[in-house]
Structure formats: C-alpha cells, structure tokens
Protein backbone atom coordinates (compact mmCIF):
# COMPACT_ATOMS: atom_id res chain seq x y z
CA UNK A 1 187.36 -54.41 152.32
CA UNK A 2 183.77 -54.37 154.22
CA UNK A 3 183.62 -54.48 157.98
CA UNK A 4 180.78 -57.34 159.89
CA UNK A 5 179.78 -54.36 161.64
CA UNK A 6 180.72 -51.38 163.50
CA UNK A 7 182.13 -52.70 166.46
CA UNK A 8 185.25 -52.19 167.84
CA UNK A 9 185.83 -55.32 170.18
CA UNK A 10 187.44 -56.19 172.69
CA UNK A 11 190.25 -58.88 174.09
CA UNK A 12 187.44 -59.57 177.17
CA UNK A 13 184.68 -59.49 174.22
CA UNK A 14 186.66 -62.24 172.05
CA UNK A 15 187.52 -64.05 175.12
CA UNK A 16 184.16 -64.39 176.19
CA UNK A 17 182.77 -65.03 172.93
CA UNK A 18 184.90 -68.02 172.33
CA UNK A 19 184.42 -69.53 176.04
CA UNK A 20 180.55 -69.44 174.97
CA UNK A 21 181.76 -71.88 171.86
CA UNK A 22 184.47 -73.48 173.72
CA UNK A 23 187.27 -73.05 171.81
CA UNK A 24 191.08 -71.60 172.74
CA UNK A 25 191.79 -68.83 170.55
CA UNK A 26 193.50 -69.71 167.27
CA UNK A 27 197.29 -68.96 166.61
CA UNK A 28 196.41 -68.17 163.30
CA UNK A 29 193.55 -67.11 161.46
CA UNK A 30 193.24 -70.36 159.25
CA UNK A 31 190.92 -72.82 157.34
CA UNK A 32 191.15 -75.67 160.13
CA UNK A 33 190.54 -73.14 163.14
CA UNK A 34 187.81 -72.00 160.66
CA UNK A 35 186.12 -74.80 160.38
CA UNK A 36 185.87 -75.94 164.58
CA UNK A 37 184.55 -72.05 164.78
CA UNK A 38 181.91 -72.89 162.30
CA UNK A 39 180.84 -75.94 163.94
CA UNK A 40 180.90 -75.26 167.27
CA UNK A 41 178.91 -72.26 166.99
CA UNK A 42 176.43 -74.46 165.99
CA UNK A 43 176.88 -76.41 168.87
CA UNK A 44 176.80 -73.75 171.20
CA UNK A 45 174.67 -70.43 170.18
CA UNK A 46 170.92 -71.61 169.20
CA UNK A 47 169.05 -70.65 165.75
CA UNK A 48 166.07 -68.56 167.55
CA UNK A 49 163.74 -66.00 166.85
CA UNK A 50 162.77 -65.72 169.81
CA UNK A 51 162.96 -61.81 170.55
CA UNK A 52 160.46 -61.43 168.06
CA UNK A 53 157.70 -62.92 170.39
CA UNK A 54 159.28 -62.12 173.13
CA UNK A 55 158.74 -57.64 172.48
CA UNK A 56 162.59 -57.85 172.29
CA UNK A 57 164.50 -55.35 170.19
CA UNK A 58 165.95 -57.17 167.08
CA UNK A 59 169.02 -54.54 166.36
CA UNK A 60 171.91 -54.69 163.75
CA UNK A 61 174.35 -52.48 166.40
CA UNK A 62 177.53 -55.22 166.32
CA UNK A 63 178.10 -53.95 170.22
CA UNK A 64 174.45 -55.48 170.81
CA UNK A 65 175.28 -58.24 168.99
CA UNK A 66 178.16 -59.65 170.41
CA UNK A 67 176.34 -59.10 173.56
CA UNK A 68 173.58 -61.00 172.99
CA UNK A 69 175.80 -63.74 172.36
CA UNK A 70 178.68 -63.57 175.19
CA UNK A 71 176.18 -61.91 177.83
CA UNK A 72 172.66 -62.56 177.06
CA UNK A 73 173.87 -66.45 176.30
CA UNK A 74 170.89 -66.07 173.39
CA UNK A 75 170.87 -66.89 169.68
CA UNK A 76 169.33 -64.99 167.18
CA UNK A 77 168.74 -65.69 163.60
CA UNK A 78 170.66 -65.07 160.67
CA UNK A 79 171.37 -61.19 160.51
CA UNK A 80 172.21 -61.49 164.49
CA UNK A 81 174.30 -65.15 164.11
CA UNK A 82 176.27 -64.24 161.15
CA UNK A 83 176.82 -60.57 162.60
CA UNK A 84 178.35 -61.35 165.16
CA UNK A 85 180.52 -63.92 164.11
CA UNK A 86 181.64 -62.29 161.40
CA UNK A 87 182.93 -59.81 164.34
CA UNK A 88 184.52 -62.35 165.93
CA UNK A 89 186.42 -64.01 162.80
CA UNK A 90 187.53 -60.26 162.06
CA UNK A 91 188.89 -59.74 165.49
CA UNK A 92 190.53 -63.11 165.31
CA UNK A 93 192.45 -61.73 161.67
CA UNK A 94 190.11 -63.51 159.36
CA UNK A 95 189.20 -61.40 156.03
CA UNK A 96 185.53 -61.20 156.47
CA UNK A 97 182.83 -59.83 153.67
CA UNK A 98 179.05 -60.26 154.21
CA UNK A 99 176.87 -61.32 151.00
CA UNK A 100 173.30 -60.99 151.11
CA UNK A 101 171.01 -63.48 149.76
CA UNK A 102 167.38 -64.56 148.73
CA UNK A 103 165.75 -67.55 150.76
CA UNK A 104 164.15 -70.41 147.95
CA UNK A 105 160.31 -70.81 149.35
CA UNK A 106 158.85 -74.60 149.15
CA UNK A 107 157.70 -73.61 145.92
CA UNK A 108 161.56 -72.36 144.16
CA UNK A 109 160.41 -68.58 144.80
CA UNK A 110 163.25 -66.46 145.87
CA UNK A 111 162.65 -64.03 149.27
CA UNK A 112 162.62 -60.30 149.45
CA UNK A 113 165.76 -58.74 149.13
CA UNK A 114 168.65 -58.95 151.90
CA UNK A 115 166.29 -62.03 153.25
CA UNK A 116 169.40 -63.64 154.12
CA UNK A 117 173.25 -62.83 155.41
CA UNK A 118 176.24 -65.37 155.52
CA UNK A 119 179.73 -64.49 155.33
CA UNK A 120 183.07 -65.06 152.75
CA UNK A 121 185.61 -65.39 154.94
CA UNK A 122 189.32 -65.53 153.44
CA UNK A 123 192.26 -66.84 155.73
CA UNK A 124 196.02 -67.06 156.75
CA UNK A 125 196.68 -70.00 154.25
CA UNK A 126 195.02 -68.36 150.82
CA UNK A 127 191.75 -70.27 151.24
CA UNK A 128 188.43 -68.64 150.52
CA UNK A 129 185.56 -70.13 152.22
CA UNK A 130 181.59 -69.14 152.82
CA UNK A 131 180.20 -69.52 156.26
CA UNK A 132 177.13 -69.64 157.44
CA UNK A 133 175.46 -70.21 161.45
CA UNK A 134 172.28 -68.44 160.52
CA UNK A 135 170.29 -70.89 158.74
CA UNK A 136 169.23 -73.11 160.53
CA UNK A 137 169.65 -76.53 159.03
CA UNK A 138 172.24 -76.36 156.96
CA UNK A 139 176.21 -77.16 156.43
CA UNK A 140 178.28 -78.16 159.22
CA UNK A 141 181.24 -76.58 158.57
CA UNK A 142 182.37 -73.87 155.77
CA UNK A 143 181.64 -74.30 152.22
CA UNK A 144 184.61 -73.80 149.66
CA UNK A 145 183.71 -70.77 147.69
CA UNK A 146 185.63 -71.85 144.49
CA UNK A 147 184.47 -75.19 144.11
CA UNK A 148 181.72 -75.93 141.95
CA UNK A 149 181.38 -79.49 142.77
CA UNK A 150 179.74 -81.56 145.33
CA UNK A 151 180.74 -80.91 148.81
CA UNK A 152 180.23 -83.81 151.49
CA UNK A 153 179.08 -82.61 155.21
CA UNK A 154 177.35 -83.87 157.96
CA UNK A 155 174.86 -81.28 157.11
CA UNK A 156 174.15 -83.06 153.51
CA UNK A 157 175.81 -82.97 150.17
CA UNK A 158 176.44 -79.00 148.93
CA UNK A 159 177.14 -76.85 145.82
CA UNK A 160 177.82 -73.45 144.77
CA UNK A 161 176.57 -73.35 141.10
CA UNK A 162 176.47 -69.99 138.75
CA UNK A 163 172.87 -68.75 139.28
CA UNK A 164 170.46 -68.37 136.26
CA UNK A 165 167.67 -66.11 135.53
CA UNK A 166 165.67 -65.18 138.49
CA UNK A 167 162.53 -68.28 138.49
CA UNK A 168 159.24 -67.23 137.30
CA UNK A 169 156.91 -65.21 139.81
CA UNK A 170 159.74 -64.77 142.68
CA UNK A 171 158.77 -61.94 144.87
CA UNK A 172 160.80 -58.48 145.79
CA UNK A 173 162.91 -59.74 142.16
CA UNK A 174 165.69 -57.56 140.75
CA UNK A 175 168.22 -57.25 138.20
CA UNK A 176 170.57 -60.35 139.59
CA UNK A 177 174.95 -58.93 138.91
CA UNK A 178 176.80 -61.31 136.94
CA UNK A 179 178.37 -63.98 139.19
CA UNK A 180 175.55 -64.71 141.82
CA UNK A 181 175.99 -68.24 142.80
CA UNK A 182 172.60 -70.69 144.30
CA UNK A 183 173.55 -72.22 147.22
CA UNK A 184 172.15 -76.42 146.55
CA UNK A 185 171.62 -78.45 149.40
CA UNK A 186 170.87 -82.21 148.85
CA UNK A 187 169.60 -81.03 144.69
CA UNK A 188 167.45 -78.53 146.44
CA UNK A 189 168.28 -74.63 146.03
CA UNK A 190 168.76 -72.94 149.59
CA UNK A 191 169.45 -69.27 148.83
CA UNK A 192 170.67 -67.35 145.98
CA UNK A 193 174.01 -65.30 147.14
CA UNK A 194 175.27 -62.06 145.95
CA UNK A 195 178.86 -61.39 145.47
CA UNK A 196 179.18 -57.94 145.84
CA UNK A 197 180.25 -57.27 149.51
CA UNK A 198 177.83 -55.03 151.88
CA UNK A 199 178.04 -53.37 155.16
CA UNK A 200 175.74 -54.64 158.09
CA UNK A 201 173.28 -51.86 158.04
CA UNK A 202 172.31 -52.82 154.19
CA UNK A 203 170.23 -55.82 155.89
CA UNK A 204 167.74 -53.51 158.50
CA UNK A 205 165.61 -53.03 156.34
CA UNK A 206 165.61 -57.18 155.64
CA UNK A 207 165.71 -57.79 159.39
CA UNK A 208 162.51 -55.06 159.68
CA UNK A 209 160.44 -56.92 157.87
CA UNK A 210 161.37 -60.74 158.67
CA UNK A 211 160.63 -59.39 162.92
CA UNK A 212 157.20 -57.30 161.36
CA UNK A 213 155.53 -58.53 158.76
CA UNK A 214 152.45 -60.96 158.61
CA UNK A 215 154.26 -62.46 155.32
CA UNK A 216 157.30 -63.64 157.49
CA UNK A 217 157.33 -66.95 158.61
CA UNK A 218 159.71 -65.83 161.87
CA UNK A 219 156.55 -64.08 163.33
CA UNK A 220 154.36 -66.80 162.39
CA UNK A 221 156.03 -69.52 164.15
CA UNK A 222 158.68 -70.38 167.01
CA UNK A 223 161.53 -71.58 166.59
CA UNK A 224 165.00 -72.77 169.09
CA UNK A 225 167.41 -75.26 166.96
CA UNK A 226 170.78 -75.72 167.42
CA UNK A 227 173.50 -78.92 166.28
CA UNK A 228 173.77 -81.50 168.94
CA UNK A 229 177.24 -82.99 169.92
CA UNK A 230 176.79 -86.32 167.95
CA UNK A 231 175.55 -84.52 164.23
CA UNK A 232 172.04 -84.77 164.68
CA UNK A 233 169.71 -81.47 165.80
CA UNK A 234 167.67 -80.87 168.93
CA UNK A 235 164.84 -78.27 167.85
CA UNK A 236 161.63 -76.46 169.86
CA UNK A 237 158.95 -74.85 167.52
CA UNK A 238 156.58 -73.76 170.60
CA UNK A 239 155.24 -76.63 172.88
CA UNK A 240 156.93 -79.52 169.80
CA UNK A 241 160.62 -80.73 170.65
CA UNK A 242 162.06 -82.78 168.22
CA UNK A 243 165.44 -84.75 168.38
CA UNK A 244 167.12 -85.90 165.81
CA UNK A 245 170.20 -88.26 165.97
CA UNK A 246 173.52 -88.28 164.16
CA UNK A 247 172.27 -91.86 162.76
CA UNK A 248 168.65 -90.05 162.00
CA UNK A 249 166.51 -90.99 164.33
CA UNK A 250 164.17 -88.62 164.92
CA UNK A 251 161.65 -88.64 168.04
CA UNK A 252 158.89 -85.72 169.07
CA UNK A 253 156.90 -85.27 171.78
CA UNK A 254 154.53 -82.10 173.26
CA UNK A 255 155.64 -80.14 175.71
CA UNK A 256 152.59 -80.03 178.65
CA UNK A 257 153.05 -76.80 180.27
CA UNK A 258 155.18 -73.97 180.02
CA UNK A 259 157.38 -74.93 183.01
CA UNK A 260 158.27 -77.53 180.96
CA UNK A 261 158.62 -75.27 177.87
CA UNK A 262 161.20 -72.85 180.09
CA UNK A 263 162.70 -76.17 181.67
CA UNK A 264 163.62 -77.42 178.11
CA UNK A 265 164.84 -73.54 176.85
CA UNK A 266 167.32 -73.48 179.67
CA UNK A 267 168.79 -77.90 179.56
CA UNK A 268 169.23 -77.84 176.02
CA UNK A 269 170.01 -74.50 174.89
CA UNK A 270 171.66 -72.11 177.83
CA UNK A 271 168.44 -69.78 177.50
CA UNK A 272 167.13 -68.66 180.63
CA UNK A 273 164.07 -67.35 180.21
CA UNK A 274 161.42 -65.54 183.17
CA UNK A 275 158.23 -66.22 180.72
CA UNK A 276 157.59 -68.73 177.42
CA UNK A 277 156.96 -66.67 174.46
CA UNK A 278 153.86 -66.65 172.37
CA UNK A 279 153.67 -66.48 168.73
CA UNK A 280 153.41 -62.92 167.40
CA UNK A 281 151.17 -64.20 164.51
CA UNK A 282 150.04 -67.29 164.42
CA UNK A 283 149.52 -69.17 161.29
CA UNK A 284 145.90 -70.43 160.55
CA UNK A 285 147.15 -73.07 158.36
CA UNK A 286 149.81 -75.01 161.16
C-alpha cells in the first residue's frame, strides 16, 4: 500500500486534527465515519491558495502539512488538503492510496500530469471510496469508487465513468493507462483520475508548477472557500465575497478595505493574517 505522506503522526496530532474538524475519534474506520470526517473537513478547513500570494513556502512534507492544518489553522490546495487528510485517515486505520488526476479546463482540455491529488480509501466494512477534500466546489461526501451510475450529493449529481481517449489538444497529454476514470459532476467532466497508486513526492512537480507558473490559475487569482453549515458555500476571491445558501440563493459584495478583508478571513474562515494577500500574477482578463 502507498502511504499518503512520510509522517509519523502522534496521538496528540491526530486529536488536534479531529478538534479542528469538530469530530471525535471513530471507534472503527467505517464508511459512516469517513463520510462525517469528509463533510466536516470541507466545512472547517478552507480550500485556499493564500500561501502562493503571501510568499510562503508550499511543501509536500507530511509533518508540515499536518502542522499547517492543526497549528497554523490554515487550509491549502489539493496536494496539501488531500495529503493531510490522507495522513489523518491512515492514522485512524483506513487504507489510503493517493491517485493522480488531470483537471479539465473550460474548453474540455486536460491539464498537466499530476494536476490534482485525490484519495482512494478502503474501510473496515469492506467498501472503497473516492475521497476528495481538495477540489473546491465538489462532492460533500465521498463517492462510491466502484459505482458507475449516478451518485446524488449536496454538491451535485456525480458519476465515475471509464475514461475514453485523451481529448484533442490536451496539454501535457501522455498515454493513459487502462481503467482510468473521469469524475463527472452534473454532466460535465471535472478531472481524469489514474487508478495507479502514487506517493506524495510524485506530486512535487505539479505543486511547483501550480505555485510558480504564470499559466496556473492559482498564481493569477486569490481564493479562499469552504462549505457552510447549511450546505452552501462562502468564497473570498481577493476582495469579492460570495455567499451561496443551501437553497442556491447567492449574494456577492465587494469589500472596501484591507482591514475588512482580514476580518472576513478571521471571522468566516478562521485564518489570521497580518497583511492582505496580493495577487502574484494578476490575470489581465479578470
């Protein structure tokens, strides 16, 4: 089995992580417990790329990922969030494998290899799940890995389908292995998932590209987002605050000052910053 991260977790670290999620330690690593951990993670630990714009180091060291979530009380993007969550699940007795994905853009083209990291999780009750707390707006619950029909979720209708040939014009296209899956939300492919297990270090080049390349959307925009308790979502993009209720009602407003931005980070996301992040590579089309 491929371990999620090269980190030896202590009981104190696991307890601190669970406190961040508002969860108690499950008695057994079951599917029901995984479902609760997954949803609470999306509510408590934001999907955010602030480190890129604050000039902070982004590392895939397992111990430092845990510290970022538990001690610094921050979030991260896919490699960080799913890397840390995979480490927690392993410590709780789940069998966890890291899977590499390539994200579809708005034109249906696939991104770079190791574009995304997701988790394949086996439970004590014999089921296998696709867990992903690092894709932003996505499924609130883990998806049944072997199911090929529609899976209803508060985040939409999902399907895992056998992947066809690479779309024409895909960036970084390589020959995909048999059995790769497309993760589809509301009829639109989100990312293509390899089924071969990987190690956390395999994603280092993808993480480097996303935090440095002027072509990466992470260097061109700020995002901090989490699921709210009513099943909606709150997102701060620069100074634009968007709140979507569970019934789909949306409200957007522009924050006027840096002080107001810092207050929202703290009050709505639990993130304490000493300065307002500034976009590293502003998107001229934004």
